[in-house]
Amino acid sequence: MSDQPNEGGIKLIQAFIRPGKLTDVKKGLAEIGAPSLTVTNVRGRGSQPTKKGQWRGEEYVVDLHEKVKVECVVADVPADDVVGAIEEAAHTGEPGDGKIFVIDVDDAVQIRTGKEGPEAV
């Protein structure tokens, strides 16, 4: 068993969260030493109930909800710590809190320096 975080490997953590929880997630990641992230605005559908709206007298259904996709690649920070920080910061207890996925990364290359593997992260 390796004494390095993530057994010496690289992990990609993808989280789909409520937009209003992004600031809390950023703070939580900074507190555990994983401040680097990529954020994308996305729409999705899961267990969160659909909503009905009305525009110009016409009723419509909102079944794709606004979400934020947060991606964080780590080598020197344990992926479990990142997952825990995101889960704690994004939790409201209501349907639609989101999901977190942990993915093994085969390799990484830093374009500027040419470093590869965990050193590139």
PDB file of N, CA and C in Angstrom:
ATOM      1  N   MET A   1       0.845  -1.188   0.000  1.00  0.00           N
ATOM      2  CA  MET A   1       0.000   0.000   0.000  1.00  0.00           C
ATOM      3  C   MET A   1       0.881   1.240   0.000  1.00  0.00           C
ATOM      4  N   SER A   2       0.549   2.196  -0.816  1.00  0.00           N
ATOM      5  CA  SER A   2       1.337   3.411  -0.962  1.00  0.00           C
ATOM      6  C   SER A   2       1.005   4.396   0.151  1.00  0.00           C
ATOM      7  N   ASP A   3       2.025   5.148   0.586  1.00  0.00           N
ATOM      8  CA  ASP A   3       1.772   6.182   1.591  1.00  0.00           C
ATOM      9  C   ASP A   3       1.493   7.533   0.942  1.00  0.00           C
ATOM     10  N   GLN A   4       1.401   7.564  -0.394  1.00  0.00           N
ATOM     11  CA  GLN A   4       1.080   8.793  -1.123  1.00  0.00           C
ATOM     12  C   GLN A   4      -0.426   8.916  -1.285  1.00  0.00           C
ATOM     13  N   PRO A   5      -0.927  10.147  -1.337  1.00  0.00           N
ATOM     14  CA  PRO A   5      -2.360  10.316  -1.584  1.00  0.00           C
ATOM     15  C   PRO A   5      -2.759   9.658  -2.899  1.00  0.00           C
ATOM     16  N   ASN A   6      -3.944   9.083  -2.931  1.00  0.00           N
ATOM     17  CA  ASN A   6      -4.499   8.447  -4.136  1.00  0.00           C
ATOM     18  C   ASN A   6      -3.598   7.339  -4.667  1.00  0.00           C
ATOM     19  N   GLU A   7      -2.822   6.740  -3.765  1.00  0.00           N
ATOM     20  CA  GLU A   7      -1.891   5.657  -4.108  1.00  0.00           C
ATOM     21  C   GLU A   7      -0.936   6.066  -5.222  1.00  0.00           C
ATOM     22  N   GLY A   8      -0.541   7.332  -5.204  1.00  0.00           N
ATOM     23  CA  GLY A   8       0.404   7.853  -6.184  1.00  0.00           C
ATOM     24  C   GLY A   8      -0.214   8.196  -7.522  1.00  0.00           C
ATOM     25  N   GLY A   9      -1.512   8.042  -7.652  1.00  0.00           N
ATOM     26  CA  GLY A   9      -2.188   8.300  -8.923  1.00  0.00           C
ATOM     27  C   GLY A   9      -2.838   9.676  -8.970  1.00  0.00           C
ATOM     28  N   ILE A  10      -3.542   9.898 -10.065  1.00  0.00           N
ATOM     29  CA  ILE A  10      -4.240  11.162 -10.298  1.00  0.00           C
ATOM     30  C   ILE A  10      -5.732  10.858 -10.338  1.00  0.00           C
ATOM     31  N   LYS A  11      -6.519  11.698  -9.693  1.00  0.00           N
ATOM     32  CA  LYS A  11      -7.975  11.527  -9.672  1.00  0.00           C
ATOM     33  C   LYS A  11      -8.651  12.789 -10.187  1.00  0.00           C
ATOM     34  N   LEU A  12      -9.722  12.592 -10.940  1.00  0.00           N
ATOM     35  CA  LEU A  12     -10.581  13.681 -11.390  1.00  0.00           C
ATOM     36  C   LEU A  12     -11.882  13.565 -10.609  1.00  0.00           C
ATOM     37  N   ILE A  13     -12.222  14.610  -9.888  1.00  0.00           N
ATOM     38  CA  ILE A  13     -13.480  14.647  -9.152  1.00  0.00           C
ATOM     39  C   ILE A  13     -14.405  15.597  -9.900  1.00  0.00           C
ATOM     40  N   GLN A  14     -15.561  15.080 -10.318  1.00  0.00           N
ATOM     41  CA  GLN A  14     -16.586  15.882 -10.977  1.00  0.00           C
ATOM     42  C   GLN A  14     -17.784  15.967 -10.048  1.00  0.00           C
ATOM     43  N   ALA A  15     -18.240  17.169  -9.794  1.00  0.00           N
ATOM     44  CA  ALA A  15     -19.408  17.363  -8.948  1.00  0.00           C
ATOM     45  C   ALA A  15     -20.416  18.236  -9.679  1.00  0.00           C
ATOM     46  N   PHE A  16     -21.668  17.832  -9.627  1.00  0.00           N
ATOM     47  CA  PHE A  16     -22.761  18.609 -10.190  1.00  0.00           C
ATOM     48  C   PHE A  16     -23.559  19.137  -9.005  1.00  0.00           C
ATOM     49  N   ILE A  17     -23.542  20.450  -8.809  1.00  0.00           N
ATOM     50  CA  ILE A  17     -24.110  21.050  -7.606  1.00  0.00           C
ATOM     51  C   ILE A  17     -25.064  22.187  -7.958  1.00  0.00           C
ATOM     52  N   ARG A  18     -25.766  22.668  -6.932  1.00  0.00           N
ATOM     53  CA  ARG A  18     -26.629  23.841  -7.101  1.00  0.00           C
ATOM     54  C   ARG A  18     -25.740  25.081  -7.301  1.00  0.00           C
ATOM     55  N   PRO A  19     -26.121  25.987  -8.198  1.00  0.00           N
ATOM     56  CA  PRO A  19     -25.303  27.189  -8.422  1.00  0.00           C
ATOM     57  C   PRO A  19     -25.077  28.008  -7.159  1.00  0.00           C
ATOM     58  N   GLY A  20     -26.052  28.063  -6.284  1.00  0.00           N
ATOM     59  CA  GLY A  20     -25.929  28.849  -5.065  1.00  0.00           C
ATOM     60  C   GLY A  20     -24.951  28.295  -4.054  1.00  0.00           C
ATOM     61  N   LYS A  21     -24.483  27.070  -4.262  1.00  0.00           N
ATOM     62  CA  LYS A  21     -23.543  26.441  -3.342  1.00  0.00           C
ATOM     63  C   LYS A  21     -22.087  26.541  -3.816  1.00  0.00           C
ATOM     64  N   LEU A  22     -21.857  27.164  -4.971  1.00  0.00           N
ATOM     65  CA  LEU A  22     -20.507  27.233  -5.527  1.00  0.00           C
ATOM     66  C   LEU A  22     -19.528  27.940  -4.593  1.00  0.00           C
ATOM     67  N   THR A  23     -19.913  29.058  -4.019  1.00  0.00           N
ATOM     68  CA  THR A  23     -19.011  29.790  -3.120  1.00  0.00           C
ATOM     69  C   THR A  23     -18.616  28.924  -1.929  1.00  0.00           C
ATOM     70  N   ASP A  24     -19.569  28.202  -1.359  1.00  0.00           N
ATOM     71  CA  ASP A  24     -19.277  27.321  -0.234  1.00  0.00           C
ATOM     72  C   ASP A  24     -18.324  26.196  -0.641  1.00  0.00           C
ATOM     73  N   VAL A  25     -18.521  25.639  -1.829  1.00  0.00           N
ATOM     74  CA  VAL A  25     -17.653  24.569  -2.315  1.00  0.00           C
ATOM     75  C   VAL A  25     -16.239  25.097  -2.538  1.00  0.00           C
ATOM     76  N   LYS A  26     -16.117  26.277  -3.141  1.00  0.00           N
ATOM     77  CA  LYS A  26     -14.780  26.862  -3.350  1.00  0.00           C
ATOM     78  C   LYS A  26     -14.057  27.059  -2.022  1.00  0.00           C
ATOM     79  N   LYS A  27     -14.761  27.558  -1.012  1.00  0.00           N
ATOM     80  CA  LYS A  27     -14.161  27.749   0.312  1.00  0.00           C
ATOM     81  C   LYS A  27     -13.745  26.410   0.912  1.00  0.00           C
ATOM     82  N   GLY A  28     -14.604  25.415   0.801  1.00  0.00           N
ATOM     83  CA  GLY A  28     -14.302  24.095   1.341  1.00  0.00           C
ATOM     84  C   GLY A  28     -13.084  23.470   0.694  1.00  0.00           C
ATOM     85  N   LEU A  29     -12.950  23.615  -0.621  1.00  0.00           N
ATOM     86  CA  LEU A  29     -11.784  23.070  -1.321  1.00  0.00           C
ATOM     87  C   LEU A  29     -10.513  23.822  -0.939  1.00  0.00           C
ATOM     88  N   ALA A  30     -10.603  25.135  -0.795  1.00  0.00           N
ATOM     89  CA  ALA A  30      -9.434  25.927  -0.399  1.00  0.00           C
ATOM     90  C   ALA A  30      -8.961  25.519   1.002  1.00  0.00           C
ATOM     91  N   GLU A  31      -9.902  25.227   1.891  1.00  0.00           N
ATOM     92  CA  GLU A  31      -9.546  24.847   3.259  1.00  0.00           C
ATOM     93  C   GLU A  31      -8.779  23.539   3.332  1.00  0.00           C
ATOM     94  N   ILE A  32      -9.001  22.619   2.391  1.00  0.00           N
ATOM     95  CA  ILE A  32      -8.274  21.343   2.421  1.00  0.00           C
ATOM     96  C   ILE A  32      -7.047  21.355   1.512  1.00  0.00           C
ATOM     97  N   GLY A  33      -6.756  22.515   0.905  1.00  0.00           N
ATOM     98  CA  GLY A  33      -5.563  22.626   0.066  1.00  0.00           C
ATOM     99  C   GLY A  33      -5.759  22.186  -1.363  1.00  0.00           C
ATOM    100  N   ALA A  34      -6.986  22.227  -1.851  1.00  0.00           N
ATOM    101  CA  ALA A  34      -7.281  21.865  -3.243  1.00  0.00           C
ATOM    102  C   ALA A  34      -8.029  23.008  -3.920  1.00  0.00           C
ATOM    103  N   PRO A  35      -7.378  24.172  -4.085  1.00  0.00           N
ATOM    104  CA  PRO A  35      -8.086  25.342  -4.613  1.00  0.00           C
ATOM    105  C   PRO A  35      -8.264  25.353  -6.130  1.00  0.00           C
ATOM    106  N   SER A  36      -7.535  24.506  -6.865  1.00  0.00           N
ATOM    107  CA  SER A  36      -7.614  24.519  -8.327  1.00  0.00           C
ATOM    108  C   SER A  36      -8.872  23.787  -8.791  1.00  0.00           C
ATOM    109  N   LEU A  37      -9.643  24.445  -9.633  1.00  0.00           N
ATOM    110  CA  LEU A  37     -10.855  23.817 -10.127  1.00  0.00           C
ATOM    111  C   LEU A  37     -11.283  24.453 -11.431  1.00  0.00           C
ATOM    112  N   THR A  38     -12.164  23.766 -12.116  1.00  0.00           N
ATOM    113  CA  THR A  38     -12.791  24.279 -13.331  1.00  0.00           C
ATOM    114  C   THR A  38     -14.289  24.251 -13.099  1.00  0.00           C
ATOM    115  N   VAL A  39     -14.977  25.313 -13.487  1.00  0.00           N
ATOM    116  CA  VAL A  39     -16.411  25.424 -13.250  1.00  0.00           C
ATOM    117  C   VAL A  39     -17.116  25.661 -14.584  1.00  0.00           C
ATOM    118  N   THR A  40     -18.194  24.920 -14.802  1.00  0.00           N
ATOM    119  CA  THR A  40     -18.985  25.045 -16.017  1.00  0.00           C
ATOM    120  C   THR A  40     -20.460  25.123 -15.636  1.00  0.00           C
ATOM    121  N   ASN A  41     -21.195  26.035 -16.249  1.00  0.00           N
ATOM    122  CA  ASN A  41     -22.646  26.078 -16.054  1.00  0.00           C
ATOM    123  C   ASN A  41     -23.281  25.031 -16.959  1.00  0.00           C
ATOM    124  N   VAL A  42     -24.103  24.166 -16.374  1.00  0.00           N
ATOM    125  CA  VAL A  42     -24.741  23.089 -17.127  1.00  0.00           C
ATOM    126  C   VAL A  42     -26.216  23.014 -16.751  1.00  0.00           C
ATOM    127  N   ARG A  43     -26.971  22.226 -17.503  1.00  0.00           N
ATOM    128  CA  ARG A  43     -28.370  21.933 -17.187  1.00  0.00           C
ATOM    129  C   ARG A  43     -28.496  20.433 -17.124  1.00  0.00           C
ATOM    130  N   GLY A  44     -29.332  19.954 -16.231  1.00  0.00           N
ATOM    131  CA  GLY A  44     -29.493  18.518 -16.119  1.00  0.00           C
ATOM    132  C   GLY A  44     -30.792  18.127 -15.463  1.00  0.00           C
ATOM    133  N   ARG A  45     -31.026  16.814 -15.475  1.00  0.00           N
ATOM    134  CA  ARG A  45     -32.246  16.279 -14.891  1.00  0.00           C
ATOM    135  C   ARG A  45     -31.869  15.068 -14.059  1.00  0.00           C
ATOM    136  N   GLY A  46     -32.410  14.994 -12.868  1.00  0.00           N
ATOM    137  CA  GLY A  46     -32.178  13.861 -11.980  1.00  0.00           C
ATOM    138  C   GLY A  46     -33.401  13.647 -11.125  1.00  0.00           C
ATOM    139  N   SER A  47     -33.198  13.512  -9.821  1.00  0.00           N
ATOM    140  CA  SER A  47     -34.315  13.241  -8.922  1.00  0.00           C
ATOM    141  C   SER A  47     -35.078  14.503  -8.528  1.00  0.00           C
ATOM    142  N   GLN A  48     -34.538  15.666  -8.872  1.00  0.00           N
ATOM    143  CA  GLN A  48     -35.206  16.925  -8.532  1.00  0.00           C
ATOM    144  C   GLN A  48     -36.519  17.018  -9.323  1.00  0.00           C
ATOM    145  N   PRO A  49     -37.623  17.360  -8.651  1.00  0.00           N
ATOM    146  CA  PRO A  49     -38.906  17.397  -9.353  1.00  0.00           C
ATOM    147  C   PRO A  49     -38.959  18.485 -10.425  1.00  0.00           C
ATOM    148  N   THR A  50     -39.798  18.228 -11.439  1.00  0.00           N
ATOM    149  CA  THR A  50     -39.989  19.228 -12.488  1.00  0.00           C
ATOM    150  C   THR A  50     -40.818  20.382 -11.944  1.00  0.00           C
ATOM    151  N   LYS A  51     -40.673  21.523 -12.572  1.00  0.00           N
ATOM    152  CA  LYS A  51     -41.442  22.706 -12.180  1.00  0.00           C
ATOM    153  C   LYS A  51     -42.253  23.165 -13.378  1.00  0.00           C
ATOM    154  N   LYS A  52     -43.414  23.721 -13.082  1.00  0.00           N
ATOM    155  CA  LYS A  52     -44.242  24.285 -14.149  1.00  0.00           C
ATOM    156  C   LYS A  52     -44.171  25.792 -14.065  1.00  0.00           C
ATOM    157  N   GLY A  53     -44.120  26.414 -15.217  1.00  0.00           N
ATOM    158  CA  GLY A  53     -44.080  27.862 -15.280  1.00  0.00           C
ATOM    159  C   GLY A  53     -45.086  28.363 -16.298  1.00  0.00           C
ATOM    160  N   GLN A  54     -45.226  29.652 -16.349  1.00  0.00           N
ATOM    161  CA  GLN A  54     -46.139  30.239 -17.317  1.00  0.00           C
ATOM    162  C   GLN A  54     -45.467  31.463 -17.925  1.00  0.00           C
ATOM    163  N   TRP A  55     -45.556  31.582 -19.248  1.00  0.00           N
ATOM    164  CA  TRP A  55     -44.978  32.709 -19.955  1.00  0.00           C
ATOM    165  C   TRP A  55     -45.947  33.116 -21.048  1.00  0.00           C
ATOM    166  N   ARG A  56     -46.377  34.369 -21.001  1.00  0.00           N
ATOM    167  CA  ARG A  56     -47.340  34.905 -21.969  1.00  0.00           C
ATOM    168  C   ARG A  56     -48.578  34.025 -22.097  1.00  0.00           C
ATOM    169  N   GLY A  57     -49.053  33.551 -20.954  1.00  0.00           N
ATOM    170  CA  GLY A  57     -50.267  32.751 -20.935  1.00  0.00           C
ATOM    171  C   GLY A  57     -50.090  31.285 -21.287  1.00  0.00           C
ATOM    172  N   GLU A  58     -48.905  30.906 -21.697  1.00  0.00           N
ATOM    173  CA  GLU A  58     -48.641  29.514 -22.050  1.00  0.00           C
ATOM    174  C   GLU A  58     -47.921  28.823 -20.900  1.00  0.00           C
ATOM    175  N   GLU A  59     -48.382  27.639 -20.565  1.00  0.00           N
ATOM    176  CA  GLU A  59     -47.728  26.863 -19.509  1.00  0.00           C
ATOM    177  C   GLU A  59     -46.587  26.049 -20.117  1.00  0.00           C
ATOM    178  N   TYR A  60     -45.503  25.943 -19.368  1.00  0.00           N
ATOM    179  CA  TYR A  60     -44.370  25.133 -19.822  1.00  0.00           C
ATOM    180  C   TYR A  60     -43.794  24.377 -18.633  1.00  0.00           C
ATOM    181  N   VAL A  61     -43.041  23.330 -18.933  1.00  0.00           N
ATOM    182  CA  VAL A  61     -42.442  22.490 -17.902  1.00  0.00           C
ATOM    183  C   VAL A  61     -40.933  22.692 -17.917  1.00  0.00           C
ATOM    184  N   VAL A  62     -40.364  22.928 -16.733  1.00  0.00           N
ATOM    185  CA  VAL A  62     -38.917  23.034 -16.591  1.00  0.00           C
ATOM    186  C   VAL A  62     -38.432  21.705 -16.029  1.00  0.00           C
ATOM    187  N   ASP A  63     -37.839  20.863 -16.896  1.00  0.00           N
ATOM    188  CA  ASP A  63     -37.339  19.578 -16.422  1.00  0.00           C
ATOM    189  C   ASP A  63     -35.819  19.475 -16.515  1.00  0.00           C
ATOM    190  N   LEU A  64     -35.182  20.512 -17.034  1.00  0.00           N
ATOM    191  CA  LEU A  64     -33.723  20.593 -17.009  1.00  0.00           C
ATOM    192  C   LEU A  64     -33.358  21.742 -16.081  1.00  0.00           C
ATOM    193  N   HIS A  65     -32.734  21.410 -14.971  1.00  0.00           N
ATOM    194  CA  HIS A  65     -32.437  22.398 -13.939  1.00  0.00           C
ATOM    195  C   HIS A  65     -31.012  22.934 -14.089  1.00  0.00           C
ATOM    196  N   GLU A  66     -30.846  24.198 -13.725  1.00  0.00           N
ATOM    197  CA  GLU A  66     -29.518  24.822 -13.761  1.00  0.00           C
ATOM    198  C   GLU A  66     -28.635  24.170 -12.704  1.00  0.00           C
ATOM    199  N   LYS A  67     -27.458  23.761 -13.100  1.00  0.00           N
ATOM    200  CA  LYS A  67     -26.473  23.176 -12.193  1.00  0.00           C
ATOM    201  C   LYS A  67     -25.107  23.771 -12.525  1.00  0.00           C
ATOM    202  N   VAL A  68     -24.159  23.539 -11.650  1.00  0.00           N
ATOM    203  CA  VAL A  68     -22.774  23.927 -11.878  1.00  0.00           C
ATOM    204  C   VAL A  68     -21.953  22.652 -11.810  1.00  0.00           C
ATOM    205  N   LYS A  69     -21.111  22.447 -12.820  1.00  0.00           N
ATOM    206  CA  LYS A  69     -20.199  21.299 -12.809  1.00  0.00           C
ATOM    207  C   LYS A  69     -18.848  21.797 -12.329  1.00  0.00           C
ATOM    208  N   VAL A  70     -18.385  21.211 -11.236  1.00  0.00           N
ATOM    209  CA  VAL A  70     -17.087  21.559 -10.663  1.00  0.00           C
ATOM    210  C   VAL A  70     -16.156  20.379 -10.912  1.00  0.00           C
ATOM    211  N   GLU A  71     -15.005  20.655 -11.527  1.00  0.00           N
ATOM    212  CA  GLU A  71     -14.016  19.604 -11.775  1.00  0.00           C
ATOM    213  C   GLU A  71     -12.734  19.954 -11.049  1.00  0.00           C
ATOM    214  N   CYS A  72     -12.173  18.974 -10.386  1.00  0.00           N
ATOM    215  CA  CYS A  72     -10.956  19.174  -9.611  1.00  0.00           C
ATOM    216  C   CYS A  72     -10.063  17.956  -9.841  1.00  0.00           C
ATOM    217  N   VAL A  73      -8.850  18.177 -10.326  1.00  0.00           N
ATOM    218  CA  VAL A  73      -7.896  17.097 -10.547  1.00  0.00           C
ATOM    219  C   VAL A  73      -6.851  17.162  -9.439  1.00  0.00           C
ATOM    220  N   VAL A  74      -6.659  16.029  -8.752  1.00  0.00           N
ATOM    221  CA  VAL A  74      -5.736  16.017  -7.618  1.00  0.00           C
ATOM    222  C   VAL A  74      -4.770  14.842  -7.701  1.00  0.00           C
ATOM    223  N   ALA A  75      -3.566  15.081  -7.218  1.00  0.00           N
ATOM    224  CA  ALA A  75      -2.567  14.032  -7.074  1.00  0.00           C
ATOM    225  C   ALA A  75      -2.009  14.056  -5.646  1.00  0.00           C
ATOM    226  N   ASP A  76      -1.784  15.261  -5.108  1.00  0.00           N
ATOM    227  CA  ASP A  76      -1.171  15.385  -3.789  1.00  0.00           C
ATOM    228  C   ASP A  76      -2.185  15.600  -2.670  1.00  0.00           C
ATOM    229  N   VAL A  77      -3.459  15.668  -2.995  1.00  0.00           N
ATOM    230  CA  VAL A  77      -4.536  15.791  -2.013  1.00  0.00           C
ATOM    231  C   VAL A  77      -5.407  14.549  -2.156  1.00  0.00           C
ATOM    232  N   PRO A  78      -5.728  13.876  -1.064  1.00  0.00           N
ATOM    233  CA  PRO A  78      -6.571  12.674  -1.173  1.00  0.00           C
ATOM    234  C   PRO A  78      -7.937  12.985  -1.781  1.00  0.00           C
ATOM    235  N   ALA A  79      -8.320  12.178  -2.748  1.00  0.00           N
ATOM    236  CA  ALA A  79      -9.622  12.367  -3.411  1.00  0.00           C
ATOM    237  C   ALA A  79     -10.765  12.283  -2.403  1.00  0.00           C
ATOM    238  N   ASP A  80     -10.630  11.435  -1.391  1.00  0.00           N
ATOM    239  CA  ASP A  80     -11.681  11.318  -0.369  1.00  0.00           C
ATOM    240  C   ASP A  80     -11.878  12.635   0.377  1.00  0.00           C
ATOM    241  N   ASP A  81     -10.794  13.373   0.604  1.00  0.00           N
ATOM    242  CA  ASP A  81     -10.901  14.677   1.268  1.00  0.00           C
ATOM    243  C   ASP A  81     -11.657  15.670   0.388  1.00  0.00           C
ATOM    244  N   VAL A  82     -11.389  15.632  -0.912  1.00  0.00           N
ATOM    245  CA  VAL A  82     -12.062  16.526  -1.855  1.00  0.00           C
ATOM    246  C   VAL A  82     -13.554  16.203  -1.896  1.00  0.00           C
ATOM    247  N   VAL A  83     -13.873  14.917  -1.995  1.00  0.00           N
ATOM    248  CA  VAL A  83     -15.276  14.494  -2.022  1.00  0.00           C
ATOM    249  C   VAL A  83     -15.979  14.935  -0.737  1.00  0.00           C
ATOM    250  N   GLY A  84     -15.336  14.732   0.394  1.00  0.00           N
ATOM    251  CA  GLY A  84     -15.928  15.128   1.669  1.00  0.00           C
ATOM    252  C   GLY A  84     -16.173  16.620   1.766  1.00  0.00           C
ATOM    253  N   ALA A  85     -15.213  17.415   1.291  1.00  0.00           N
ATOM    254  CA  ALA A  85     -15.355  18.874   1.339  1.00  0.00           C
ATOM    255  C   ALA A  85     -16.505  19.343   0.453  1.00  0.00           C
ATOM    256  N   ILE A  86     -16.608  18.762  -0.750  1.00  0.00           N
ATOM    257  CA  ILE A  86     -17.690  19.143  -1.659  1.00  0.00           C
ATOM    258  C   ILE A  86     -19.035  18.714  -1.086  1.00  0.00           C
ATOM    259  N   GLU A  87     -19.089  17.485  -0.595  1.00  0.00           N
ATOM    260  CA  GLU A  87     -20.344  16.963  -0.049  1.00  0.00           C
ATOM    261  C   GLU A  87     -20.841  17.821   1.115  1.00  0.00           C
ATOM    262  N   GLU A  88     -19.943  18.173   2.008  1.00  0.00           N
ATOM    263  CA  GLU A  88     -20.323  18.997   3.162  1.00  0.00           C
ATOM    264  C   GLU A  88     -20.781  20.393   2.738  1.00  0.00           C
ATOM    265  N   ALA A  89     -20.057  20.998   1.791  1.00  0.00           N
ATOM    266  CA  ALA A  89     -20.367  22.367   1.379  1.00  0.00           C
ATOM    267  C   ALA A  89     -21.623  22.465   0.519  1.00  0.00           C
ATOM    268  N   ALA A  90     -21.924  21.416  -0.256  1.00  0.00           N
ATOM    269  CA  ALA A  90     -23.042  21.478  -1.200  1.00  0.00           C
ATOM    270  C   ALA A  90     -24.345  20.918  -0.628  1.00  0.00           C
ATOM    271  N   HIS A  91     -24.288  20.313   0.528  1.00  0.00           N
ATOM    272  CA  HIS A  91     -25.454  19.626   1.096  1.00  0.00           C
ATOM    273  C   HIS A  91     -26.531  20.599   1.577  1.00  0.00           C
ATOM    274  N   THR A  92     -27.773  20.356   1.141  1.00  0.00           N
ATOM    275  CA  THR A  92     -28.927  21.081   1.688  1.00  0.00           C
ATOM    276  C   THR A  92     -29.942  20.102   2.270  1.00  0.00           C
ATOM    277  N   GLY A  93     -29.862  18.838   1.855  1.00  0.00           N
ATOM    278  CA  GLY A  93     -30.808  17.836   2.307  1.00  0.00           C
ATOM    279  C   GLY A  93     -32.038  17.725   1.440  1.00  0.00           C
ATOM    280  N   GLU A  94     -32.123  18.527   0.410  1.00  0.00           N
ATOM    281  CA  GLU A  94     -33.271  18.525  -0.499  1.00  0.00           C
ATOM    282  C   GLU A  94     -32.919  17.800  -1.797  1.00  0.00           C
ATOM    283  N   PRO A  95     -33.923  17.255  -2.501  1.00  0.00           N
ATOM    284  CA  PRO A  95     -33.642  16.669  -3.820  1.00  0.00           C
ATOM    285  C   PRO A  95     -33.004  17.726  -4.723  1.00  0.00           C
ATOM    286  N   GLY A  96     -32.028  17.318  -5.504  1.00  0.00           N
ATOM    287  CA  GLY A  96     -31.363  18.246  -6.413  1.00  0.00           C
ATOM    288  C   GLY A  96     -30.038  18.761  -5.882  1.00  0.00           C
ATOM    289  N   ASP A  97     -29.560  18.220  -4.743  1.00  0.00           N
ATOM    290  CA  ASP A  97     -28.256  18.634  -4.211  1.00  0.00           C
ATOM    291  C   ASP A  97     -27.121  18.299  -5.179  1.00  0.00           C
ATOM    292  N   GLY A  98     -27.277  17.240  -5.967  1.00  0.00           N
ATOM    293  CA  GLY A  98     -26.283  16.920  -6.974  1.00  0.00           C
ATOM    294  C   GLY A  98     -25.616  15.582  -6.776  1.00  0.00           C
ATOM    295  N   LYS A  99     -24.544  15.362  -7.523  1.00  0.00           N
ATOM    296  CA  LYS A  99     -23.794  14.112  -7.492  1.00  0.00           C
ATOM    297  C   LYS A  99     -22.303  14.429  -7.583  1.00  0.00           C
ATOM    298  N   ILE A 100     -21.498  13.483  -7.071  1.00  0.00           N
ATOM    299  CA  ILE A 100     -20.043  13.594  -7.156  1.00  0.00           C
ATOM    300  C   ILE A 100     -19.522  12.296  -7.760  1.00  0.00           C
ATOM    301  N   PHE A 101     -18.626  12.420  -8.731  1.00  0.00           N
ATOM    302  CA  PHE A 101     -18.017  11.264  -9.372  1.00  0.00           C
ATOM    303  C   PHE A 101     -16.501  11.351  -9.219  1.00  0.00           C
ATOM    304  N   VAL A 102     -15.866  10.218  -8.960  1.00  0.00           N
ATOM    305  CA  VAL A 102     -14.408  10.155  -8.849  1.00  0.00           C
ATOM    306  C   VAL A 102     -13.917   9.253  -9.976  1.00  0.00           C
ATOM    307  N   ILE A 103     -13.011   9.785 -10.796  1.00  0.00           N
ATOM    308  CA  ILE A 103     -12.542   9.096 -11.995  1.00  0.00           C
ATOM    309  C   ILE A 103     -11.024   8.995 -11.955  1.00  0.00           C
ATOM    310  N   ASP A 104     -10.496   7.803 -12.254  1.00  0.00           N
ATOM    311  CA  ASP A 104      -9.044   7.635 -12.372  1.00  0.00           C
ATOM    312  C   ASP A 104      -8.558   8.320 -13.642  1.00  0.00           C
ATOM    313  N   VAL A 105      -7.443   9.025 -13.535  1.00  0.00           N
ATOM    314  CA  VAL A 105      -6.832   9.688 -14.687  1.00  0.00           C
ATOM    315  C   VAL A 105      -5.554   8.918 -15.032  1.00  0.00           C
ATOM    316  N   ASP A 106      -5.454   8.478 -16.281  1.00  0.00           N
ATOM    317  CA  ASP A 106      -4.294   7.698 -16.702  1.00  0.00           C
ATOM    318  C   ASP A 106      -3.016   8.516 -16.704  1.00  0.00           C
ATOM    319  N   ASP A 107      -3.097   9.739 -17.206  1.00  0.00           N
ATOM    320  CA  ASP A 107      -1.896  10.564 -17.316  1.00  0.00           C
ATOM    321  C   ASP A 107      -2.305  12.028 -17.433  1.00  0.00           C
ATOM    322  N   ALA A 108      -1.355  12.904 -17.200  1.00  0.00           N
ATOM    323  CA  ALA A 108      -1.554  14.337 -17.360  1.00  0.00           C
ATOM    324  C   ALA A 108      -0.254  14.937 -17.865  1.00  0.00           C
ATOM    325  N   VAL A 109      -0.353  15.978 -18.670  1.00  0.00           N
ATOM    326  CA  VAL A 109       0.815  16.675 -19.199  1.00  0.00           C
ATOM    327  C   VAL A 109       0.597  18.169 -18.996  1.00  0.00           C
ATOM    328  N   GLN A 110       1.554  18.815 -18.356  1.00  0.00           N
ATOM    329  CA  GLN A 110       1.487  20.271 -18.215  1.00  0.00           C
ATOM    330  C   GLN A 110       2.093  20.864 -19.480  1.00  0.00           C
ATOM    331  N   ILE A 111       1.316  21.624 -20.206  1.00  0.00           N
ATOM    332  CA  ILE A 111       1.739  22.131 -21.512  1.00  0.00           C
ATOM    333  C   ILE A 111       2.964  23.027 -21.410  1.00  0.00           C
ATOM    334  N   ARG A 112       2.969  23.942 -20.443  1.00  0.00           N
ATOM    335  CA  ARG A 112       4.069  24.914 -20.327  1.00  0.00           C
ATOM    336  C   ARG A 112       5.406  24.249 -20.053  1.00  0.00           C
ATOM    337  N   THR A 113       5.440  23.278 -19.126  1.00  0.00           N
ATOM    338  CA  THR A 113       6.717  22.708 -18.699  1.00  0.00           C
ATOM    339  C   THR A 113       7.020  21.343 -19.301  1.00  0.00           C
ATOM    340  N   GLY A 114       5.985  20.673 -19.788  1.00  0.00           N
ATOM    341  CA  GLY A 114       6.179  19.314 -20.307  1.00  0.00           C
ATOM    342  C   GLY A 114       6.186  18.252 -19.222  1.00  0.00           C
ATOM    343  N   LYS A 115       5.962  18.651 -17.963  1.00  0.00           N
ATOM    344  CA  LYS A 115       5.906  17.662 -16.880  1.00  0.00           C
ATOM    345  C   LYS A 115       4.758  16.722 -17.118  1.00  0.00           C
ATOM    346  N   GLU A 116       4.953  15.466 -16.675  1.00  0.00           N
ATOM    347  CA  GLU A 116       3.929  14.449 -16.866  1.00  0.00           C
ATOM    348  C   GLU A 116       3.565  13.781 -15.550  1.00  0.00           C
ATOM    349  N   GLY A 117       2.423  13.102 -15.562  1.00  0.00           N
ATOM    350  CA  GLY A 117       1.971  12.366 -14.398  1.00  0.00           C
ATOM    351  C   GLY A 117       1.593  13.282 -13.243  1.00  0.00           C
ATOM    352  N   PRO A 118       1.712  12.786 -12.003  1.00  0.00           N
ATOM    353  CA  PRO A 118       1.324  13.575 -10.843  1.00  0.00           C
ATOM    354  C   PRO A 118       2.056  14.919 -10.724  1.00  0.00           C
ATOM    355  N   GLU A 119       3.264  15.014 -11.263  1.00  0.00           N
ATOM    356  CA  GLU A 119       4.001  16.285 -11.235  1.00  0.00           C
ATOM    357  C   GLU A 119       3.329  17.360 -12.080  1.00  0.00           C
ATOM    358  N   ALA A 120       2.568  16.956 -13.086  1.00  0.00           N
ATOM    359  CA  ALA A 120       1.883  17.921 -13.961  1.00  0.00           C
ATOM    360  C   ALA A 120       0.684  18.542 -13.279  1.00  0.00           C
ATOM    361  N   VAL A 121       0.168  17.866 -12.279  1.00  0.00           N
ATOM    362  CA  VAL A 121      -1.027  18.351 -11.587  1.00  0.00           C
ATOM    363  C   VAL A 121      -0.580  19.339 -10.531  1.00  0.00           C
TER     364      VAL A 121
END
